Amino acid sequence: MEWMDCGQEEALLKECQWAEEHVKDEDVPQPAPDELEMIIKRIEEECRR
């Protein structure tokens, strides 16, 4: 099963390349410093159930 055909992959690649060249890192919302730890803790709690 393929998730996209060759034309879609090319379009996605072009969009990613454009974003790398035109979108500044500071324009992208950053997660809270402890967000990863919170997600890991939530997953660990669910695994214990």
N, C-alpha and C. Protein backbone atom coordinates (compact mmCIF):
# COMPACT_ATOMS: atom_id res chain seq x y z
N MET A 1 0.85 -1.19 0.00
CA MET A 1 0.00 0.00 0.00
C MET A 1 0.89 1.25 0.00
N GLU A 2 0.67 2.12 -0.95
CA GLU A 2 1.41 3.38 -1.01
C GLU A 2 0.50 4.50 -0.53
N TRP A 3 1.07 5.44 0.26
CA TRP A 3 0.21 6.50 0.75
C TRP A 3 0.06 7.65 -0.19
N MET A 4 0.91 7.76 -1.17
CA MET A 4 0.71 8.81 -2.17
C MET A 4 1.44 8.42 -3.45
N ASP A 5 0.93 8.93 -4.55
CA ASP A 5 1.60 8.62 -5.81
C ASP A 5 2.79 9.55 -6.01
N CYS A 6 3.53 9.30 -7.05
CA CYS A 6 4.78 10.03 -7.30
C CYS A 6 4.55 11.55 -7.43
N GLY A 7 3.46 11.95 -8.07
CA GLY A 7 3.16 13.37 -8.21
C GLY A 7 2.92 14.04 -6.88
N GLN A 8 2.23 13.34 -5.99
CA GLN A 8 1.97 13.90 -4.66
C GLN A 8 3.26 14.02 -3.86
N GLU A 9 4.13 13.02 -3.98
CA GLU A 9 5.41 13.07 -3.27
C GLU A 9 6.24 14.25 -3.75
N GLU A 10 6.24 14.48 -5.05
CA GLU A 10 7.01 15.60 -5.61
C GLU A 10 6.45 16.93 -5.12
N ALA A 11 5.12 17.05 -5.07
CA ALA A 11 4.50 18.28 -4.59
C ALA A 11 4.84 18.52 -3.12
N LEU A 12 4.80 17.45 -2.32
CA LEU A 12 5.13 17.57 -0.90
C LEU A 12 6.59 17.98 -0.72
N LEU A 13 7.48 17.39 -1.51
CA LEU A 13 8.90 17.75 -1.44
C LEU A 13 9.11 19.22 -1.78
N LYS A 14 8.45 19.69 -2.83
CA LYS A 14 8.58 21.11 -3.21
C LYS A 14 8.06 22.02 -2.10
N GLU A 15 6.95 21.62 -1.47
CA GLU A 15 6.40 22.43 -0.38
C GLU A 15 7.37 22.48 0.80
N CYS A 16 7.97 21.35 1.13
CA CYS A 16 8.95 21.31 2.23
C CYS A 16 10.17 22.16 1.91
N GLN A 17 10.64 22.08 0.68
CA GLN A 17 11.80 22.88 0.28
C GLN A 17 11.46 24.37 0.35
N TRP A 18 10.27 24.74 -0.08
CA TRP A 18 9.86 26.14 -0.02
C TRP A 18 9.83 26.60 1.44
N ALA A 19 9.25 25.78 2.31
CA ALA A 19 9.15 26.15 3.72
C ALA A 19 10.54 26.32 4.35
N GLU A 20 11.46 25.42 4.02
CA GLU A 20 12.83 25.54 4.56
C GLU A 20 13.46 26.86 4.17
N GLU A 21 13.17 27.34 2.97
CA GLU A 21 13.79 28.57 2.48
C GLU A 21 13.07 29.83 2.94
N HIS A 22 11.78 29.75 3.26
CA HIS A 22 11.00 30.95 3.50
C HIS A 22 10.43 31.11 4.91
N VAL A 23 10.34 30.04 5.68
CA VAL A 23 9.74 30.12 7.01
C VAL A 23 10.85 30.13 8.05
N LYS A 24 10.87 31.18 8.86
CA LYS A 24 11.89 31.30 9.91
C LYS A 24 11.52 30.39 11.08
N ASP A 25 12.53 29.84 11.74
CA ASP A 25 12.29 28.98 12.89
C ASP A 25 11.46 29.68 13.96
N GLU A 26 11.72 30.97 14.17
CA GLU A 26 11.00 31.69 15.22
C GLU A 26 9.52 31.91 14.87
N ASP A 27 9.14 31.70 13.61
CA ASP A 27 7.74 31.83 13.21
C ASP A 27 6.93 30.57 13.49
N VAL A 28 7.61 29.47 13.81
CA VAL A 28 6.94 28.20 14.07
C VAL A 28 6.73 28.08 15.58
N PRO A 29 5.49 27.84 16.02
CA PRO A 29 5.24 27.71 17.46
C PRO A 29 6.08 26.58 18.06
N GLN A 30 6.68 26.86 19.19
CA GLN A 30 7.52 25.87 19.86
C GLN A 30 6.74 25.24 21.01
N PRO A 31 6.94 23.95 21.25
CA PRO A 31 6.25 23.29 22.36
C PRO A 31 6.81 23.78 23.69
N ALA A 32 6.03 23.57 24.73
CA ALA A 32 6.49 23.90 26.07
C ALA A 32 7.72 23.04 26.38
N PRO A 33 8.64 23.55 27.20
CA PRO A 33 9.88 22.81 27.48
C PRO A 33 9.64 21.40 28.03
N ASP A 34 8.55 21.21 28.78
CA ASP A 34 8.29 19.90 29.39
C ASP A 34 7.24 19.08 28.64
N GLU A 35 6.88 19.50 27.45
CA GLU A 35 5.82 18.81 26.72
C GLU A 35 6.16 17.35 26.42
N LEU A 36 7.38 17.07 25.99
CA LEU A 36 7.77 15.70 25.68
C LEU A 36 7.67 14.82 26.93
N GLU A 37 8.14 15.32 28.05
CA GLU A 37 8.07 14.54 29.29
C GLU A 37 6.63 14.27 29.67
N MET A 38 5.75 15.24 29.47
CA MET A 38 4.33 15.06 29.79
C MET A 38 3.72 13.98 28.90
N ILE A 39 4.06 13.97 27.63
CA ILE A 39 3.54 12.97 26.70
C ILE A 39 4.04 11.58 27.09
N ILE A 40 5.33 11.47 27.40
CA ILE A 40 5.90 10.18 27.79
C ILE A 40 5.22 9.67 29.05
N LYS A 41 5.01 10.54 30.02
CA LYS A 41 4.36 10.14 31.27
C LYS A 41 2.95 9.64 31.00
N ARG A 42 2.22 10.33 30.13
CA ARG A 42 0.86 9.92 29.80
C ARG A 42 0.85 8.55 29.11
N ILE A 43 1.79 8.32 28.22
CA ILE A 43 1.87 7.02 27.54
C ILE A 43 2.20 5.92 28.53
N GLU A 44 3.15 6.18 29.43
CA GLU A 44 3.52 5.18 30.43
C GLU A 44 2.34 4.84 31.32
N GLU A 45 1.55 5.84 31.71
CA GLU A 45 0.38 5.60 32.54
C GLU A 45 -0.65 4.75 31.80
N GLU A 46 -0.85 5.01 30.52
CA GLU A 46 -1.80 4.23 29.73
C GLU A 46 -1.32 2.79 29.57
N CYS A 47 -0.02 2.58 29.46
CA CYS A 47 0.53 1.23 29.30
C CYS A 47 0.35 0.41 30.58
N ARG A 48 0.30 1.06 31.71
CA ARG A 48 0.14 0.36 32.99
C ARG A 48 -1.28 -0.15 33.17
N ARG A 49 -2.22 0.40 32.44
CA ARG A 49 -3.63 0.01 32.60
C ARG A 49 -3.89 -1.33 31.99
